[in-house]
Amino acid sequence: MQGTVSQLAPSTNRQQYRIRVDLPHGLRTTSGSVPLPFRPEMTGTAELVTDDLRMMERAFYGLRSLIR
């Protein structure tokens, strides 16, 4: 799914942040075909994209995430 960070706050655990994400397409997978159930205080893992990347760089990051 894709979203935009609207709020960011450090957590008491220094390795984590509490964020609020705006989801323009709702709580659905990127393909839009699978709705996801909502629960308050949901947790997750995200990859934050902070720069405009070239297509090759995006492909590399996609492959890297598959290896992990």
PDB file of N, CA and C in Angstrom:
ATOM      1  N   MET A   1       0.836  -1.161   0.000  1.00  0.00           N
ATOM      2  CA  MET A   1       0.000   0.000   0.000  1.00  0.00           C
ATOM      3  C   MET A   1       0.887   1.232   0.000  1.00  0.00           C
ATOM      4  N   GLN A   2       0.360   2.330  -0.425  1.00  0.00           N
ATOM      5  CA  GLN A   2       1.122   3.571  -0.457  1.00  0.00           C
ATOM      6  C   GLN A   2       0.427   4.607   0.416  1.00  0.00           C
ATOM      7  N   GLY A   3       1.232   5.417   1.073  1.00  0.00           N
ATOM      8  CA  GLY A   3       0.690   6.463   1.920  1.00  0.00           C
ATOM      9  C   GLY A   3       1.699   7.574   2.105  1.00  0.00           C
ATOM     10  N   THR A   4       1.267   8.616   2.796  1.00  0.00           N
ATOM     11  CA  THR A   4       2.116   9.771   3.068  1.00  0.00           C
ATOM     12  C   THR A   4       2.175   9.990   4.571  1.00  0.00           C
ATOM     13  N   VAL A   5       3.375  10.161   5.116  1.00  0.00           N
ATOM     14  CA  VAL A   5       3.534  10.414   6.550  1.00  0.00           C
ATOM     15  C   VAL A   5       2.995  11.807   6.851  1.00  0.00           C
ATOM     16  N   SER A   6       2.017  11.880   7.766  1.00  0.00           N
ATOM     17  CA  SER A   6       1.445  13.173   8.131  1.00  0.00           C
ATOM     18  C   SER A   6       1.908  13.632   9.510  1.00  0.00           C
ATOM     19  N   GLN A   7       2.311  12.707  10.374  1.00  0.00           N
ATOM     20  CA  GLN A   7       2.838  13.051  11.697  1.00  0.00           C
ATOM     21  C   GLN A   7       3.949  12.078  12.052  1.00  0.00           C
ATOM     22  N   LEU A   8       4.956  12.592  12.757  1.00  0.00           N
ATOM     23  CA  LEU A   8       6.100  11.775  13.152  1.00  0.00           C
ATOM     24  C   LEU A   8       6.486  12.150  14.575  1.00  0.00           C
ATOM     25  N   ALA A   9       6.618  11.148  15.439  1.00  0.00           N
ATOM     26  CA  ALA A   9       7.013  11.399  16.824  1.00  0.00           C
ATOM     27  C   ALA A   9       7.952  10.291  17.277  1.00  0.00           C
ATOM     28  N   PRO A  10       9.025  10.646  18.005  1.00  0.00           N
ATOM     29  CA  PRO A  10       9.917   9.609  18.520  1.00  0.00           C
ATOM     30  C   PRO A  10       9.189   8.755  19.554  1.00  0.00           C
ATOM     31  N   SER A  11       9.545   7.497  19.609  1.00  0.00           N
ATOM     32  CA  SER A  11       8.969   6.567  20.573  1.00  0.00           C
ATOM     33  C   SER A  11       9.878   6.514  21.794  1.00  0.00           C
ATOM     34  N   THR A  12       9.387   5.922  22.863  1.00  0.00           N
ATOM     35  CA  THR A  12      10.244   5.760  24.039  1.00  0.00           C
ATOM     36  C   THR A  12      11.390   4.811  23.726  1.00  0.00           C
ATOM     37  N   ASN A  13      11.175   3.920  22.775  1.00  0.00           N
ATOM     38  CA  ASN A  13      12.233   3.037  22.285  1.00  0.00           C
ATOM     39  C   ASN A  13      12.968   3.804  21.184  1.00  0.00           C
ATOM     40  N   ARG A  14      14.221   4.104  21.344  1.00  0.00           N
ATOM     41  CA  ARG A  14      14.960   4.963  20.417  1.00  0.00           C
ATOM     42  C   ARG A  14      15.086   4.397  19.003  1.00  0.00           C
ATOM     43  N   GLN A  15      14.799   3.129  18.813  1.00  0.00           N
ATOM     44  CA  GLN A  15      14.914   2.537  17.482  1.00  0.00           C
ATOM     45  C   GLN A  15      13.599   2.585  16.708  1.00  0.00           C
ATOM     46  N   GLN A  16      12.573   3.191  17.274  1.00  0.00           N
ATOM     47  CA  GLN A  16      11.267   3.224  16.627  1.00  0.00           C
ATOM     48  C   GLN A  16      10.696   4.629  16.642  1.00  0.00           C
ATOM     49  N   TYR A  17       9.761   4.864  15.729  1.00  0.00           N
ATOM     50  CA  TYR A  17       9.025   6.119  15.679  1.00  0.00           C
ATOM     51  C   TYR A  17       7.544   5.801  15.590  1.00  0.00           C
ATOM     52  N   ARG A  18       6.759   6.676  16.132  1.00  0.00           N
ATOM     53  CA  ARG A  18       5.309   6.560  15.987  1.00  0.00           C
ATOM     54  C   ARG A  18       4.918   7.523  14.868  1.00  0.00           C
ATOM     55  N   ILE A  19       4.260   7.003  13.855  1.00  0.00           N
ATOM     56  CA  ILE A  19       3.892   7.849  12.724  1.00  0.00           C
ATOM     57  C   ILE A  19       2.405   7.721  12.431  1.00  0.00           C
ATOM     58  N   ARG A  20       1.892   8.764  11.815  1.00  0.00           N
ATOM     59  CA  ARG A  20       0.520   8.737  11.304  1.00  0.00           C
ATOM     60  C   ARG A  20       0.642   8.798   9.796  1.00  0.00           C
ATOM     61  N   VAL A  21      -0.018   7.883   9.111  1.00  0.00           N
ATOM     62  CA  VAL A  21       0.087   7.784   7.658  1.00  0.00           C
ATOM     63  C   VAL A  21      -1.276   8.044   7.031  1.00  0.00           C
ATOM     64  N   ASP A  22      -1.319   8.967   6.071  1.00  0.00           N
ATOM     65  CA  ASP A  22      -2.526   9.185   5.282  1.00  0.00           C
ATOM     66  C   ASP A  22      -2.503   8.206   4.118  1.00  0.00           C
ATOM     67  N   LEU A  23      -3.585   7.479   3.943  1.00  0.00           N
ATOM     68  CA  LEU A  23      -3.685   6.475   2.885  1.00  0.00           C
ATOM     69  C   LEU A  23      -4.696   6.960   1.845  1.00  0.00           C
ATOM     70  N   PRO A  24      -4.213   7.512   0.719  1.00  0.00           N
ATOM     71  CA  PRO A  24      -5.132   8.090  -0.267  1.00  0.00           C
ATOM     72  C   PRO A  24      -6.085   7.072  -0.894  1.00  0.00           C
ATOM     73  N   HIS A  25      -5.717   5.807  -0.930  1.00  0.00           N
ATOM     74  CA  HIS A  25      -6.570   4.773  -1.521  1.00  0.00           C
ATOM     75  C   HIS A  25      -7.208   3.894  -0.449  1.00  0.00           C
ATOM     76  N   GLY A  26      -7.183   4.348   0.785  1.00  0.00           N
ATOM     77  CA  GLY A  26      -7.747   3.562   1.870  1.00  0.00           C
ATOM     78  C   GLY A  26      -6.811   2.438   2.284  1.00  0.00           C
ATOM     79  N   LEU A  27      -7.333   1.565   3.081  1.00  0.00           N
ATOM     80  CA  LEU A  27      -6.544   0.456   3.625  1.00  0.00           C
ATOM     81  C   LEU A  27      -6.653  -0.735   2.672  1.00  0.00           C
ATOM     82  N   ARG A  28      -5.959  -0.609   1.532  1.00  0.00           N
ATOM     83  CA  ARG A  28      -5.975  -1.634   0.486  1.00  0.00           C
ATOM     84  C   ARG A  28      -4.547  -1.907   0.046  1.00  0.00           C
ATOM     85  N   THR A  29      -4.332  -3.081  -0.522  1.00  0.00           N
ATOM     86  CA  THR A  29      -3.020  -3.396  -1.077  1.00  0.00           C
ATOM     87  C   THR A  29      -2.735  -2.474  -2.253  1.00  0.00           C
ATOM     88  N   THR A  30      -1.483  -2.399  -2.682  1.00  0.00           N
ATOM     89  CA  THR A  30      -1.098  -1.518  -3.781  1.00  0.00           C
ATOM     90  C   THR A  30      -1.889  -1.824  -5.045  1.00  0.00           C
ATOM     91  N   SER A  31      -2.185  -3.078  -5.298  1.00  0.00           N
ATOM     92  CA  SER A  31      -2.970  -3.431  -6.487  1.00  0.00           C
ATOM     93  C   SER A  31      -4.425  -2.999  -6.335  1.00  0.00           C
ATOM     94  N   GLY A  32      -4.851  -2.705  -5.107  1.00  0.00           N
ATOM     95  CA  GLY A  32      -6.208  -2.235  -4.859  1.00  0.00           C
ATOM     96  C   GLY A  32      -7.250  -3.328  -4.796  1.00  0.00           C
ATOM     97  N   SER A  33      -6.842  -4.554  -4.955  1.00  0.00           N
ATOM     98  CA  SER A  33      -7.821  -5.639  -5.022  1.00  0.00           C
ATOM     99  C   SER A  33      -8.164  -6.251  -3.667  1.00  0.00           C
ATOM    100  N   VAL A  34      -7.312  -6.050  -2.678  1.00  0.00           N
ATOM    101  CA  VAL A  34      -7.540  -6.710  -1.387  1.00  0.00           C
ATOM    102  C   VAL A  34      -7.721  -5.660  -0.292  1.00  0.00           C
ATOM    103  N   PRO A  35      -8.943  -5.531   0.260  1.00  0.00           N
ATOM    104  CA  PRO A  35      -9.124  -4.629   1.399  1.00  0.00           C
ATOM    105  C   PRO A  35      -8.520  -5.260   2.652  1.00  0.00           C
ATOM    106  N   LEU A  36      -7.923  -4.445   3.485  1.00  0.00           N
ATOM    107  CA  LEU A  36      -7.303  -4.940   4.718  1.00  0.00           C
ATOM    108  C   LEU A  36      -8.149  -4.506   5.909  1.00  0.00           C
ATOM    109  N   PRO A  37      -8.292  -5.355   6.927  1.00  0.00           N
ATOM    110  CA  PRO A  37      -9.093  -4.988   8.098  1.00  0.00           C
ATOM    111  C   PRO A  37      -8.382  -3.908   8.912  1.00  0.00           C
ATOM    112  N   PHE A  38      -9.157  -2.981   9.462  1.00  0.00           N
ATOM    113  CA  PHE A  38      -8.592  -1.917  10.296  1.00  0.00           C
ATOM    114  C   PHE A  38      -8.775  -2.270  11.764  1.00  0.00           C
ATOM    115  N   ARG A  39      -7.701  -2.053  12.543  1.00  0.00           N
ATOM    116  CA  ARG A  39      -7.743  -2.181  13.992  1.00  0.00           C
ATOM    117  C   ARG A  39      -7.010  -0.974  14.570  1.00  0.00           C
ATOM    118  N   PRO A  40      -7.556  -0.327  15.597  1.00  0.00           N
ATOM    119  CA  PRO A  40      -6.846   0.795  16.217  1.00  0.00           C
ATOM    120  C   PRO A  40      -5.459   0.368  16.699  1.00  0.00           C
ATOM    121  N   GLU A  41      -4.512   1.288  16.630  1.00  0.00           N
ATOM    122  CA  GLU A  41      -3.135   1.066  17.093  1.00  0.00           C
ATOM    123  C   GLU A  41      -2.440  -0.054  16.323  1.00  0.00           C
ATOM    124  N   MET A  42      -2.729  -0.182  15.044  1.00  0.00           N
ATOM    125  CA  MET A  42      -2.074  -1.206  14.223  1.00  0.00           C
ATOM    126  C   MET A  42      -0.582  -0.915  14.145  1.00  0.00           C
ATOM    127  N   THR A  43       0.214  -1.951  14.083  1.00  0.00           N
ATOM    128  CA  THR A  43       1.657  -1.795  13.922  1.00  0.00           C
ATOM    129  C   THR A  43       2.068  -2.383  12.581  1.00  0.00           C
ATOM    130  N   GLY A  44       3.227  -1.973  12.124  1.00  0.00           N
ATOM    131  CA  GLY A  44       3.708  -2.503  10.856  1.00  0.00           C
ATOM    132  C   GLY A  44       5.134  -2.081  10.593  1.00  0.00           C
ATOM    133  N   THR A  45       5.641  -2.522   9.487  1.00  0.00           N
ATOM    134  CA  THR A  45       6.976  -2.174   9.030  1.00  0.00           C
ATOM    135  C   THR A  45       6.828  -1.436   7.716  1.00  0.00           C
ATOM    136  N   ALA A  46       7.608  -0.381   7.539  1.00  0.00           N
ATOM    137  CA  ALA A  46       7.481   0.431   6.328  1.00  0.00           C
ATOM    138  C   ALA A  46       8.844   0.750   5.752  1.00  0.00           C
ATOM    139  N   GLU A  47       8.865   0.936   4.473  1.00  0.00           N
ATOM    140  CA  GLU A  47      10.058   1.447   3.798  1.00  0.00           C
ATOM    141  C   GLU A  47       9.720   2.869   3.376  1.00  0.00           C
ATOM    142  N   LEU A  48      10.429   3.837   3.916  1.00  0.00           N
ATOM    143  CA  LEU A  48      10.153   5.237   3.620  1.00  0.00           C
ATOM    144  C   LEU A  48      11.020   5.697   2.461  1.00  0.00           C
ATOM    145  N   VAL A  49      10.390   6.244   1.439  1.00  0.00           N
ATOM    146  CA  VAL A  49      11.107   6.781   0.286  1.00  0.00           C
ATOM    147  C   VAL A  49      11.205   8.284   0.493  1.00  0.00           C
ATOM    148  N   THR A  50      12.430   8.795   0.577  1.00  0.00           N
ATOM    149  CA  THR A  50      12.621  10.208   0.873  1.00  0.00           C
ATOM    150  C   THR A  50      13.155  11.011  -0.299  1.00  0.00           C
ATOM    151  N   ASP A  51      13.588  10.355  -1.353  1.00  0.00           N
ATOM    152  CA  ASP A  51      14.145  11.047  -2.513  1.00  0.00           C
ATOM    153  C   ASP A  51      13.481  10.549  -3.782  1.00  0.00           C
ATOM    154  N   ASP A  52      13.552  11.382  -4.823  1.00  0.00           N
ATOM    155  CA  ASP A  52      13.166  10.918  -6.143  1.00  0.00           C
ATOM    156  C   ASP A  52      14.296  10.035  -6.644  1.00  0.00           C
ATOM    157  N   LEU A  53      13.977   8.804  -6.986  1.00  0.00           N
ATOM    158  CA  LEU A  53      14.994   7.852  -7.403  1.00  0.00           C
ATOM    159  C   LEU A  53      14.833   7.515  -8.875  1.00  0.00           C
ATOM    160  N   ARG A  54      15.935   7.176  -9.486  1.00  0.00           N
ATOM    161  CA  ARG A  54      15.879   6.685 -10.858  1.00  0.00           C
ATOM    162  C   ARG A  54      15.274   5.289 -10.868  1.00  0.00           C
ATOM    163  N   MET A  55      14.795   4.881 -12.027  1.00  0.00           N
ATOM    164  CA  MET A  55      14.140   3.584 -12.155  1.00  0.00           C
ATOM    165  C   MET A  55      15.051   2.438 -11.714  1.00  0.00           C
ATOM    166  N   MET A  56      16.324   2.479 -12.064  1.00  0.00           N
ATOM    167  CA  MET A  56      17.257   1.417 -11.669  1.00  0.00           C
ATOM    168  C   MET A  56      17.417   1.365 -10.151  1.00  0.00           C
ATOM    169  N   GLU A  57      17.447   2.528  -9.509  1.00  0.00           N
ATOM    170  CA  GLU A  57      17.573   2.560  -8.052  1.00  0.00           C
ATOM    171  C   GLU A  57      16.339   1.945  -7.396  1.00  0.00           C
ATOM    172  N   ARG A  58      15.159   2.264  -7.917  1.00  0.00           N
ATOM    173  CA  ARG A  58      13.929   1.689  -7.364  1.00  0.00           C
ATOM    174  C   ARG A  58      13.917   0.173  -7.547  1.00  0.00           C
ATOM    175  N   ALA A  59      14.368  -0.297  -8.696  1.00  0.00           N
ATOM    176  CA  ALA A  59      14.421  -1.739  -8.950  1.00  0.00           C
ATOM    177  C   ALA A  59      15.374  -2.410  -7.964  1.00  0.00           C
ATOM    178  N   PHE A  60      16.519  -1.775  -7.705  1.00  0.00           N
ATOM    179  CA  PHE A  60      17.484  -2.325  -6.755  1.00  0.00           C
ATOM    180  C   PHE A  60      16.871  -2.428  -5.360  1.00  0.00           C
ATOM    181  N   TYR A  61      16.163  -1.374  -4.915  1.00  0.00           N
ATOM    182  CA  TYR A  61      15.548  -1.413  -3.593  1.00  0.00           C
ATOM    183  C   TYR A  61      14.468  -2.485  -3.525  1.00  0.00           C
ATOM    184  N   GLY A  62      13.735  -2.692  -4.622  1.00  0.00           N
ATOM    185  CA  GLY A  62      12.732  -3.748  -4.653  1.00  0.00           C
ATOM    186  C   GLY A  62      13.363  -5.119  -4.511  1.00  0.00           C
ATOM    187  N   LEU A  63      14.467  -5.352  -5.212  1.00  0.00           N
ATOM    188  CA  LEU A  63      15.174  -6.631  -5.104  1.00  0.00           C
ATOM    189  C   LEU A  63      15.752  -6.817  -3.711  1.00  0.00           C
ATOM    190  N   ARG A  64      16.266  -5.742  -3.150  1.00  0.00           N
ATOM    191  CA  ARG A  64      16.849  -5.811  -1.811  1.00  0.00           C
ATOM    192  C   ARG A  64      15.796  -6.237  -0.785  1.00  0.00           C
ATOM    193  N   SER A  65      14.581  -5.716  -0.921  1.00  0.00           N
ATOM    194  CA  SER A  65      13.542  -6.081   0.040  1.00  0.00           C
ATOM    195  C   SER A  65      13.132  -7.543  -0.099  1.00  0.00           C
ATOM    196  N   LEU A  66      13.242  -8.111  -1.302  1.00  0.00           N
ATOM    197  CA  LEU A  66      12.924  -9.527  -1.491  1.00  0.00           C
ATOM    198  C   LEU A  66      13.956 -10.429  -0.831  1.00  0.00           C
ATOM    199  N   ILE A  67      15.202  -9.977  -0.789  1.00  0.00           N
ATOM    200  CA  ILE A  67      16.288 -10.763  -0.209  1.00  0.00           C
ATOM    201  C   ILE A  67      16.165 -10.826   1.305  1.00  0.00           C
ATOM    202  N   ARG A  68      15.676  -9.787   1.926  1.00  0.00           N
ATOM    203  CA  ARG A  68      15.573  -9.727   3.395  1.00  0.00           C
ATOM    204  C   ARG A  68      14.619 -10.689   3.921  1.00  0.00           C
TER     205      ARG A  68
END
